[in-house]
């Protein structure tokens, strides 16, 4: 019996409606200037992979839906503030669980 490994396209289908912290960071950065490579880099993707990851994320259904939304300066400030708050909570959780090195 052969076990089939889940491929890249299957993972994309499985996660197309899942908003991750990394995707949220990319959306916020991409809304600033529309540059996928720089948005990926600023959201934490290593420079070597930023271009490829940025192009992939730009096609993600959640990112496409976010780009259709009309976001003004006030909304951008709210997004940035909310993202900073999420990151603070993540750091707090890491501290509680002893995962500071991850």
PDB file of N, CA and C in Angstrom:
ATOM      1  N   UNK A   1       0.843  -1.169   0.000  1.00  0.00           N
ATOM      2  CA  UNK A   1       0.000   0.000   0.000  1.00  0.00           C
ATOM      3  C   UNK A   1       0.894   1.240   0.000  1.00  0.00           C
ATOM      4  N   UNK A   2       0.576   2.153  -0.852  1.00  0.00           N
ATOM      5  CA  UNK A   2       1.369   3.369  -0.977  1.00  0.00           C
ATOM      6  C   UNK A   2       0.636   4.543  -0.335  1.00  0.00           C
ATOM      7  N   UNK A   3       1.341   5.281   0.478  1.00  0.00           N
ATOM      8  CA  UNK A   3       0.749   6.441   1.132  1.00  0.00           C
ATOM      9  C   UNK A   3       1.046   7.673   0.290  1.00  0.00           C
ATOM     10  N   UNK A   4       0.013   8.399  -0.069  1.00  0.00           N
ATOM     11  CA  UNK A   4       0.173   9.578  -0.905  1.00  0.00           C
ATOM     12  C   UNK A   4       0.516  10.777  -0.039  1.00  0.00           C
ATOM     13  N   UNK A   5       1.558  11.462  -0.403  1.00  0.00           N
ATOM     14  CA  UNK A   5       1.959  12.659   0.324  1.00  0.00           C
ATOM     15  C   UNK A   5       1.118  13.836  -0.163  1.00  0.00           C
ATOM     16  N   UNK A   6       0.704  14.682   0.758  1.00  0.00           N
ATOM     17  CA  UNK A   6      -0.104  15.842   0.399  1.00  0.00           C
ATOM     18  C   UNK A   6       0.775  16.822  -0.349  1.00  0.00           C
ATOM     19  N   UNK A   7       0.356  17.195  -1.528  1.00  0.00           N
ATOM     20  CA  UNK A   7       1.127  18.113  -2.363  1.00  0.00           C
ATOM     21  C   UNK A   7       0.848  19.563  -2.055  1.00  0.00           C
ATOM     22  N   UNK A   8       1.614  20.422  -2.704  1.00  0.00           N
ATOM     23  CA  UNK A   8       1.508  21.866  -2.497  1.00  0.00           C
ATOM     24  C   UNK A   8       0.107  22.375  -2.801  1.00  0.00           C
ATOM     25  N   UNK A   9      -0.474  21.945  -3.925  1.00  0.00           N
ATOM     26  CA  UNK A   9      -1.789  22.446  -4.308  1.00  0.00           C
ATOM     27  C   UNK A   9      -2.858  21.997  -3.313  1.00  0.00           C
ATOM     28  N   UNK A  10      -2.705  20.802  -2.757  1.00  0.00           N
ATOM     29  CA  UNK A  10      -3.665  20.328  -1.758  1.00  0.00           C
ATOM     30  C   UNK A  10      -3.587  21.167  -0.490  1.00  0.00           C
ATOM     31  N   UNK A  11      -2.365  21.540  -0.101  1.00  0.00           N
ATOM     32  CA  UNK A  11      -2.217  22.389   1.086  1.00  0.00           C
ATOM     33  C   UNK A  11      -2.845  23.749   0.838  1.00  0.00           C
ATOM     34  N   UNK A  12      -2.676  24.297  -0.361  1.00  0.00           N
ATOM     35  CA  UNK A  12      -3.259  25.594  -0.678  1.00  0.00           C
ATOM     36  C   UNK A  12      -4.773  25.530  -0.586  1.00  0.00           C
ATOM     37  N   UNK A  13      -5.361  24.467  -1.109  1.00  0.00           N
ATOM     38  CA  UNK A  13      -6.812  24.309  -1.047  1.00  0.00           C
ATOM     39  C   UNK A  13      -7.287  24.184   0.393  1.00  0.00           C
ATOM     40  N   UNK A  14      -6.530  23.454   1.197  1.00  0.00           N
ATOM     41  CA  UNK A  14      -6.921  23.235   2.585  1.00  0.00           C
ATOM     42  C   UNK A  14      -6.861  24.509   3.410  1.00  0.00           C
ATOM     43  N   UNK A  15      -5.964  25.420   3.059  1.00  0.00           N
ATOM     44  CA  UNK A  15      -5.762  26.612   3.871  1.00  0.00           C
ATOM     45  C   UNK A  15      -6.264  27.901   3.219  1.00  0.00           C
ATOM     46  N   UNK A  16      -7.030  27.776   2.151  1.00  0.00           N
ATOM     47  CA  UNK A  16      -7.414  28.989   1.443  1.00  0.00           C
ATOM     48  C   UNK A  16      -8.364  29.881   2.225  1.00  0.00           C
ATOM     49  N   UNK A  17      -9.017  29.338   3.238  1.00  0.00           N
ATOM     50  CA  UNK A  17      -9.920  30.156   4.051  1.00  0.00           C
ATOM     51  C   UNK A  17      -9.390  30.354   5.467  1.00  0.00           C
ATOM     52  N   UNK A  18      -8.102  30.094   5.655  1.00  0.00           N
ATOM     53  CA  UNK A  18      -7.481  30.207   6.965  1.00  0.00           C
ATOM     54  C   UNK A  18      -6.562  31.426   6.986  1.00  0.00           C
ATOM     55  N   UNK A  19      -6.880  32.400   7.812  1.00  0.00           N
ATOM     56  CA  UNK A  19      -6.051  33.597   7.940  1.00  0.00           C
ATOM     57  C   UNK A  19      -4.995  33.349   9.008  1.00  0.00           C
ATOM     58  N   UNK A  20      -3.743  33.308   8.587  1.00  0.00           N
ATOM     59  CA  UNK A  20      -2.651  33.112   9.531  1.00  0.00           C
ATOM     60  C   UNK A  20      -2.044  34.470   9.874  1.00  0.00           C
ATOM     61  N   UNK A  21      -1.255  34.489  10.913  1.00  0.00           N
ATOM     62  CA  UNK A  21      -0.578  35.721  11.312  1.00  0.00           C
ATOM     63  C   UNK A  21       0.350  36.199  10.199  1.00  0.00           C
ATOM     64  N   UNK A  22       1.027  35.264   9.548  1.00  0.00           N
ATOM     65  CA  UNK A  22       1.948  35.623   8.471  1.00  0.00           C
ATOM     66  C   UNK A  22       1.201  36.247   7.289  1.00  0.00           C
ATOM     67  N   UNK A  23       0.042  35.679   6.959  1.00  0.00           N
ATOM     68  CA  UNK A  23      -0.754  36.228   5.865  1.00  0.00           C
ATOM     69  C   UNK A  23      -1.286  37.604   6.228  1.00  0.00           C
ATOM     70  N   UNK A  24      -1.702  37.784   7.465  1.00  0.00           N
ATOM     71  CA  UNK A  24      -2.183  39.085   7.916  1.00  0.00           C
ATOM     72  C   UNK A  24      -1.083  40.133   7.837  1.00  0.00           C
ATOM     73  N   UNK A  25       0.120  39.771   8.269  1.00  0.00           N
ATOM     74  CA  UNK A  25       1.253  40.702   8.175  1.00  0.00           C
ATOM     75  C   UNK A  25       1.501  41.087   6.720  1.00  0.00           C
ATOM     76  N   UNK A  26       1.454  40.086   5.829  1.00  0.00           N
ATOM     77  CA  UNK A  26       1.666  40.368   4.409  1.00  0.00           C
ATOM     78  C   UNK A  26       0.606  41.320   3.872  1.00  0.00           C
ATOM     79  N   UNK A  27      -0.657  41.085   4.220  1.00  0.00           N
ATOM     80  CA  UNK A  27      -1.744  41.945   3.743  1.00  0.00           C
ATOM     81  C   UNK A  27      -1.521  43.385   4.177  1.00  0.00           C
ATOM     82  N   UNK A  28      -1.198  43.585   5.450  1.00  0.00           N
ATOM     83  CA  UNK A  28      -0.984  44.943   5.966  1.00  0.00           C
ATOM     84  C   UNK A  28       0.176  45.611   5.231  1.00  0.00           C
ATOM     85  N   UNK A  29       1.258  44.886   5.026  1.00  0.00           N
ATOM     86  CA  UNK A  29       2.418  45.459   4.330  1.00  0.00           C
ATOM     87  C   UNK A  29       2.123  45.683   2.847  1.00  0.00           C
ATOM     88  N   UNK A  30       1.399  44.764   2.225  1.00  0.00           N
ATOM     89  CA  UNK A  30       1.085  44.878   0.792  1.00  0.00           C
ATOM     90  C   UNK A  30       0.156  46.060   0.525  1.00  0.00           C
ATOM     91  N   UNK A  31      -0.734  46.341   1.462  1.00  0.00           N
ATOM     92  CA  UNK A  31      -1.642  47.481   1.294  1.00  0.00           C
ATOM     93  C   UNK A  31      -0.892  48.817   1.307  1.00  0.00           C
ATOM     94  N   UNK A  32       0.279  48.836   1.913  1.00  0.00           N
ATOM     95  CA  UNK A  32       1.046  50.085   2.002  1.00  0.00           C
ATOM     96  C   UNK A  32       1.545  50.556   0.647  1.00  0.00           C
ATOM     97  N   UNK A  33       2.123  49.630  -0.145  1.00  0.00           N
ATOM     98  CA  UNK A  33       2.730  50.082  -1.406  1.00  0.00           C
ATOM     99  C   UNK A  33       2.465  49.181  -2.606  1.00  0.00           C
ATOM    100  N   UNK A  34       1.795  48.053  -2.414  1.00  0.00           N
ATOM    101  CA  UNK A  34       1.477  47.169  -3.527  1.00  0.00           C
ATOM    102  C   UNK A  34       2.653  46.381  -4.073  1.00  0.00           C
ATOM    103  N   UNK A  35       3.782  46.372  -3.365  1.00  0.00           N
ATOM    104  CA  UNK A  35       4.965  45.642  -3.799  1.00  0.00           C
ATOM    105  C   UNK A  35       5.004  44.313  -3.044  1.00  0.00           C
ATOM    106  N   UNK A  36       4.721  43.217  -3.763  1.00  0.00           N
ATOM    107  CA  UNK A  36       4.613  41.902  -3.126  1.00  0.00           C
ATOM    108  C   UNK A  36       5.930  41.435  -2.519  1.00  0.00           C
ATOM    109  N   UNK A  37       7.037  41.645  -3.224  1.00  0.00           N
ATOM    110  CA  UNK A  37       8.337  41.190  -2.713  1.00  0.00           C
ATOM    111  C   UNK A  37       8.696  41.918  -1.423  1.00  0.00           C
ATOM    112  N   UNK A  38       8.567  43.241  -1.425  1.00  0.00           N
ATOM    113  CA  UNK A  38       8.912  44.018  -0.228  1.00  0.00           C
ATOM    114  C   UNK A  38       7.936  43.752   0.914  1.00  0.00           C
ATOM    115  N   UNK A  39       6.667  43.539   0.579  1.00  0.00           N
ATOM    116  CA  UNK A  39       5.676  43.234   1.615  1.00  0.00           C
ATOM    117  C   UNK A  39       6.015  41.904   2.287  1.00  0.00           C
ATOM    118  N   UNK A  40       6.410  40.916   1.490  1.00  0.00           N
ATOM    119  CA  UNK A  40       6.793  39.621   2.058  1.00  0.00           C
ATOM    120  C   UNK A  40       8.035  39.773   2.927  1.00  0.00           C
ATOM    121  N   UNK A  41       9.005  40.532   2.445  1.00  0.00           N
ATOM    122  CA  UNK A  41      10.237  40.743   3.212  1.00  0.00           C
ATOM    123  C   UNK A  41       9.938  41.462   4.532  1.00  0.00           C
ATOM    124  N   UNK A  42       9.138  42.523   4.474  1.00  0.00           N
ATOM    125  CA  UNK A  42       8.808  43.277   5.696  1.00  0.00           C
ATOM    126  C   UNK A  42       7.954  42.469   6.664  1.00  0.00           C
ATOM    127  N   UNK A  43       7.233  41.478   6.140  1.00  0.00           N
ATOM    128  CA  UNK A  43       6.393  40.666   7.021  1.00  0.00           C
ATOM    129  C   UNK A  43       7.129  39.462   7.597  1.00  0.00           C
ATOM    130  N   UNK A  44       8.449  39.354   7.310  1.00  0.00           N
ATOM    131  CA  UNK A  44       9.253  38.345   7.969  1.00  0.00           C
ATOM    132  C   UNK A  44       9.784  37.221   7.102  1.00  0.00           C
ATOM    133  N   UNK A  45       9.502  37.251   5.816  1.00  0.00           N
ATOM    134  CA  UNK A  45      10.016  36.218   4.913  1.00  0.00           C
ATOM    135  C   UNK A  45      11.481  36.540   4.604  1.00  0.00           C
ATOM    136  N   UNK A  46      12.380  35.541   4.656  1.00  0.00           N
ATOM    137  CA  UNK A  46      13.786  35.811   4.325  1.00  0.00           C
ATOM    138  C   UNK A  46      13.921  36.401   2.918  1.00  0.00           C
ATOM    139  N   UNK A  47      14.912  37.262   2.750  1.00  0.00           N
ATOM    140  CA  UNK A  47      15.082  37.988   1.488  1.00  0.00           C
ATOM    141  C   UNK A  47      15.211  37.049   0.285  1.00  0.00           C
ATOM    142  N   UNK A  48      15.853  35.899   0.476  1.00  0.00           N
ATOM    143  CA  UNK A  48      16.037  34.949  -0.629  1.00  0.00           C
ATOM    144  C   UNK A  48      14.711  34.435  -1.181  1.00  0.00           C
ATOM    145  N   UNK A  49      13.687  34.341  -0.331  1.00  0.00           N
ATOM    146  CA  UNK A  49      12.406  33.768  -0.731  1.00  0.00           C
ATOM    147  C   UNK A  49      11.307  34.803  -0.870  1.00  0.00           C
ATOM    148  N   UNK A  50      11.588  36.043  -0.556  1.00  0.00           N
ATOM    149  CA  UNK A  50      10.552  37.078  -0.502  1.00  0.00           C
ATOM    150  C   UNK A  50       9.833  37.254  -1.831  1.00  0.00           C
ATOM    151  N   UNK A  51      10.554  37.239  -2.929  1.00  0.00           N
ATOM    152  CA  UNK A  51       9.924  37.441  -4.234  1.00  0.00           C
ATOM    153  C   UNK A  51       8.946  36.317  -4.553  1.00  0.00           C
ATOM    154  N   UNK A  52       9.401  35.082  -4.402  1.00  0.00           N
ATOM    155  CA  UNK A  52       8.549  33.931  -4.705  1.00  0.00           C
ATOM    156  C   UNK A  52       7.357  33.850  -3.749  1.00  0.00           C
ATOM    157  N   UNK A  53       7.614  34.041  -2.467  1.00  0.00           N
ATOM    158  CA  UNK A  53       6.544  33.978  -1.474  1.00  0.00           C
ATOM    159  C   UNK A  53       5.549  35.120  -1.669  1.00  0.00           C
ATOM    160  N   UNK A  54       6.068  36.309  -2.004  1.00  0.00           N
ATOM    161  CA  UNK A  54       5.193  37.455  -2.255  1.00  0.00           C
ATOM    162  C   UNK A  54       4.264  37.206  -3.425  1.00  0.00           C
ATOM    163  N   UNK A  55       4.791  36.627  -4.507  1.00  0.00           N
ATOM    164  CA  UNK A  55       3.957  36.320  -5.676  1.00  0.00           C
ATOM    165  C   UNK A  55       2.913  35.262  -5.333  1.00  0.00           C
ATOM    166  N   UNK A  56       3.309  34.275  -4.518  1.00  0.00           N
ATOM    167  CA  UNK A  56       2.369  33.234  -4.117  1.00  0.00           C
ATOM    168  C   UNK A  56       1.271  33.816  -3.225  1.00  0.00           C
ATOM    169  N   UNK A  57       1.665  34.625  -2.237  1.00  0.00           N
ATOM    170  CA  UNK A  57       0.681  35.208  -1.320  1.00  0.00           C
ATOM    171  C   UNK A  57      -0.272  36.160  -2.033  1.00  0.00           C
ATOM    172  N   UNK A  58       0.231  36.842  -3.033  1.00  0.00           N
ATOM    173  CA  UNK A  58      -0.595  37.798  -3.789  1.00  0.00           C
ATOM    174  C   UNK A  58      -1.779  37.094  -4.461  1.00  0.00           C
ATOM    175  N   UNK A  59      -1.649  35.798  -4.736  1.00  0.00           N
ATOM    176  CA  UNK A  59      -2.706  35.029  -5.388  1.00  0.00           C
ATOM    177  C   UNK A  59      -3.603  34.299  -4.393  1.00  0.00           C
ATOM    178  N   UNK A  60      -3.270  34.372  -3.118  1.00  0.00           N
ATOM    179  CA  UNK A  60      -4.033  33.684  -2.068  1.00  0.00           C
ATOM    180  C   UNK A  60      -5.437  34.276  -1.996  1.00  0.00           C
ATOM    181  N   UNK A  61      -6.482  33.440  -1.898  1.00  0.00           N
ATOM    182  CA  UNK A  61      -7.863  33.947  -1.878  1.00  0.00           C
ATOM    183  C   UNK A  61      -8.140  34.990  -0.795  1.00  0.00           C
ATOM    184  N   UNK A  62      -7.555  34.817   0.376  1.00  0.00           N
ATOM    185  CA  UNK A  62      -7.785  35.789   1.453  1.00  0.00           C
ATOM    186  C   UNK A  62      -7.144  37.126   1.104  1.00  0.00           C
ATOM    187  N   UNK A  63      -5.956  37.091   0.522  1.00  0.00           N
ATOM    188  CA  UNK A  63      -5.269  38.326   0.133  1.00  0.00           C
ATOM    189  C   UNK A  63      -6.056  39.011  -0.982  1.00  0.00           C
ATOM    190  N   UNK A  64      -6.531  38.241  -1.952  1.00  0.00           N
ATOM    191  CA  UNK A  64      -7.326  38.815  -3.042  1.00  0.00           C
ATOM    192  C   UNK A  64      -8.591  39.489  -2.501  1.00  0.00           C
ATOM    193  N   UNK A  65      -9.243  38.836  -1.549  1.00  0.00           N
ATOM    194  CA  UNK A  65     -10.444  39.421  -0.945  1.00  0.00           C
ATOM    195  C   UNK A  65     -10.105  40.698  -0.187  1.00  0.00           C
ATOM    196  N   UNK A  66      -8.973  40.708   0.507  1.00  0.00           N
ATOM    197  CA  UNK A  66      -8.558  41.901   1.259  1.00  0.00           C
ATOM    198  C   UNK A  66      -8.236  43.057   0.324  1.00  0.00           C
ATOM    199  N   UNK A  67      -7.696  42.760  -0.850  1.00  0.00           N
ATOM    200  CA  UNK A  67      -7.347  43.815  -1.801  1.00  0.00           C
ATOM    201  C   UNK A  67      -8.593  44.473  -2.386  1.00  0.00           C
ATOM    202  N   UNK A  68      -9.716  43.760  -2.388  1.00  0.00           N
ATOM    203  CA  UNK A  68     -10.962  44.315  -2.900  1.00  0.00           C
ATOM    204  C   UNK A  68     -11.616  45.283  -1.912  1.00  0.00           C
ATOM    205  N   UNK A  69     -11.253  45.165  -0.656  1.00  0.00           N
ATOM    206  CA  UNK A  69     -11.824  46.038   0.371  1.00  0.00           C
ATOM    207  C   UNK A  69     -11.252  47.451   0.223  1.00  0.00           C
ATOM    208  N   UNK A  70     -12.089  48.420   0.471  1.00  0.00           N
ATOM    209  CA  UNK A  70     -11.624  49.803   0.419  1.00  0.00           C
ATOM    210  C   UNK A  70     -11.071  50.171   1.793  1.00  0.00           C
ATOM    211  N   UNK A  71      -9.762  50.333   1.864  1.00  0.00           N
ATOM    212  CA  UNK A  71      -9.086  50.615   3.125  1.00  0.00           C
ATOM    213  C   UNK A  71      -8.516  52.032   3.064  1.00  0.00           C
ATOM    214  N   UNK A  72      -9.001  52.892   3.956  1.00  0.00           N
ATOM    215  CA  UNK A  72      -8.475  54.256   3.992  1.00  0.00           C
ATOM    216  C   UNK A  72      -7.392  54.366   5.073  1.00  0.00           C
ATOM    217  N   UNK A  73      -6.878  55.562   5.270  1.00  0.00           N
ATOM    218  CA  UNK A  73      -5.789  55.759   6.246  1.00  0.00           C
ATOM    219  C   UNK A  73      -6.197  55.359   7.654  1.00  0.00           C
ATOM    220  N   UNK A  74      -7.415  55.687   8.021  1.00  0.00           N
ATOM    221  CA  UNK A  74      -7.905  55.358   9.364  1.00  0.00           C
ATOM    222  C   UNK A  74      -7.943  53.831   9.557  1.00  0.00           C
ATOM    223  N   UNK A  75      -8.424  53.119   8.528  1.00  0.00           N
ATOM    224  CA  UNK A  75      -8.456  51.660   8.604  1.00  0.00           C
ATOM    225  C   UNK A  75      -7.046  51.071   8.668  1.00  0.00           C
ATOM    226  N   UNK A  76      -6.123  51.672   7.921  1.00  0.00           N
ATOM    227  CA  UNK A  76      -4.734  51.198   7.962  1.00  0.00           C
ATOM    228  C   UNK A  76      -4.147  51.346   9.364  1.00  0.00           C
ATOM    229  N   UNK A  77      -4.425  52.464  10.004  1.00  0.00           N
ATOM    230  CA  UNK A  77      -3.939  52.669  11.377  1.00  0.00           C
ATOM    231  C   UNK A  77      -4.531  51.625  12.320  1.00  0.00           C
ATOM    232  N   UNK A  78      -5.828  51.335  12.147  1.00  0.00           N
ATOM    233  CA  UNK A  78      -6.468  50.304  12.970  1.00  0.00           C
ATOM    234  C   UNK A  78      -5.836  48.939  12.729  1.00  0.00           C
ATOM    235  N   UNK A  79      -5.588  48.618  11.454  1.00  0.00           N
ATOM    236  CA  UNK A  79      -4.950  47.340  11.120  1.00  0.00           C
ATOM    237  C   UNK A  79      -3.576  47.223  11.760  1.00  0.00           C
ATOM    238  N   UNK A  80      -2.771  48.261  11.624  1.00  0.00           N
ATOM    239  CA  UNK A  80      -1.421  48.238  12.188  1.00  0.00           C
ATOM    240  C   UNK A  80      -1.459  48.118  13.705  1.00  0.00           C
ATOM    241  N   UNK A  81      -2.384  48.826  14.343  1.00  0.00           N
ATOM    242  CA  UNK A  81      -2.517  48.770  15.798  1.00  0.00           C
ATOM    243  C   UNK A  81      -2.970  47.370  16.243  1.00  0.00           C
ATOM    244  N   UNK A  82      -3.933  46.799  15.529  1.00  0.00           N
ATOM    245  CA  UNK A  82      -4.419  45.455  15.861  1.00  0.00           C
ATOM    246  C   UNK A  82      -3.333  44.405  15.667  1.00  0.00           C
ATOM    247  N   UNK A  83      -2.563  44.544  14.600  1.00  0.00           N
ATOM    248  CA  UNK A  83      -1.474  43.607  14.329  1.00  0.00           C
ATOM    249  C   UNK A  83      -0.416  43.678  15.432  1.00  0.00           C
ATOM    250  N   UNK A  84      -0.087  44.883  15.865  1.00  0.00           N
ATOM    251  CA  UNK A  84       0.880  45.048  16.955  1.00  0.00           C
ATOM    252  C   UNK A  84       0.358  44.405  18.243  1.00  0.00           C
ATOM    253  N   UNK A  85      -0.934  44.540  18.485  1.00  0.00           N
ATOM    254  CA  UNK A  85      -1.536  43.943  19.680  1.00  0.00           C
ATOM    255  C   UNK A  85      -1.495  42.405  19.602  1.00  0.00           C
ATOM    256  N   UNK A  86      -1.775  41.862  18.430  1.00  0.00           N
ATOM    257  CA  UNK A  86      -1.710  40.407  18.235  1.00  0.00           C
ATOM    258  C   UNK A  86      -0.290  39.912  18.491  1.00  0.00           C
ATOM    259  N   UNK A  87       0.692  40.637  17.964  1.00  0.00           N
ATOM    260  CA  UNK A  87       2.086  40.237  18.162  1.00  0.00           C
ATOM    261  C   UNK A  87       2.481  40.292  19.636  1.00  0.00           C
ATOM    262  N   UNK A  88       1.975  41.284  20.371  1.00  0.00           N
ATOM    263  CA  UNK A  88       2.245  41.349  21.815  1.00  0.00           C
ATOM    264  C   UNK A  88       1.644  40.134  22.524  1.00  0.00           C
ATOM    265  N   UNK A  89       0.425  39.768  22.133  1.00  0.00           N
ATOM    266  CA  UNK A  89      -0.220  38.599  22.740  1.00  0.00           C
ATOM    267  C   UNK A  89       0.536  37.317  22.402  1.00  0.00           C
ATOM    268  N   UNK A  90       1.024  37.209  21.171  1.00  0.00           N
ATOM    269  CA  UNK A  90       1.807  36.033  20.771  1.00  0.00           C
ATOM    270  C   UNK A  90       3.069  35.926  21.620  1.00  0.00           C
ATOM    271  N   UNK A  91       3.752  37.037  21.826  1.00  0.00           N
ATOM    272  CA  UNK A  91       4.962  37.031  22.653  1.00  0.00           C
ATOM    273  C   UNK A  91       4.636  36.627  24.087  1.00  0.00           C
ATOM    274  N   UNK A  92       3.512  37.116  24.607  1.00  0.00           N
ATOM    275  CA  UNK A  92       3.080  36.759  25.954  1.00  0.00           C
ATOM    276  C   UNK A  92       2.813  35.257  26.052  1.00  0.00           C
ATOM    277  N   UNK A  93       2.154  34.706  25.051  1.00  0.00           N
ATOM    278  CA  UNK A  93       1.875  33.261  25.038  1.00  0.00           C
ATOM    279  C   UNK A  93       3.168  32.452  24.954  1.00  0.00           C
ATOM    280  N   UNK A  94       4.108  32.897  24.129  1.00  0.00           N
ATOM    281  CA  UNK A  94       5.398  32.213  24.029  1.00  0.00           C
ATOM    282  C   UNK A  94       6.109  32.208  25.371  1.00  0.00           C
ATOM    283  N   UNK A  95       6.040  33.336  26.058  1.00  0.00           N
ATOM    284  CA  UNK A  95       6.678  33.453  27.370  1.00  0.00           C
ATOM    285  C   UNK A  95       6.053  32.478  28.359  1.00  0.00           C
ATOM    286  N   UNK A  96       4.734  32.420  28.394  1.00  0.00           N
ATOM    287  CA  UNK A  96       4.031  31.526  29.307  1.00  0.00           C
ATOM    288  C   UNK A  96       4.390  30.067  29.030  1.00  0.00           C
ATOM    289  N   UNK A  97       4.494  29.724  27.756  1.00  0.00           N
ATOM    290  CA  UNK A  97       4.767  28.334  27.360  1.00  0.00           C
ATOM    291  C   UNK A  97       6.256  28.009  27.281  1.00  0.00           C
ATOM    292  N   UNK A  98       7.102  28.994  27.531  1.00  0.00           N
ATOM    293  CA  UNK A  98       8.542  28.767  27.461  1.00  0.00           C
ATOM    294  C   UNK A  98       9.050  28.578  26.048  1.00  0.00           C
ATOM    295  N   UNK A  99       8.446  29.270  25.098  1.00  0.00           N
ATOM    296  CA  UNK A  99       8.814  29.116  23.681  1.00  0.00           C
ATOM    297  C   UNK A  99       9.480  30.356  23.117  1.00  0.00           C
ATOM    298  N   UNK A 100      10.234  31.088  23.928  1.00  0.00           N
ATOM    299  CA  UNK A 100      10.852  32.328  23.476  1.00  0.00           C
ATOM    300  C   UNK A 100      11.829  32.115  22.322  1.00  0.00           C
ATOM    301  N   UNK A 101      12.431  30.938  22.234  1.00  0.00           N
ATOM    302  CA  UNK A 101      13.414  30.661  21.180  1.00  0.00           C
ATOM    303  C   UNK A 101      12.796  30.285  19.847  1.00  0.00           C
ATOM    304  N   UNK A 102      11.480  30.180  19.788  1.00  0.00           N
ATOM    305  CA  UNK A 102      10.805  29.764  18.550  1.00  0.00           C
ATOM    306  C   UNK A 102      10.197  30.945  17.835  1.00  0.00           C
TER     307      UNK A 102
END
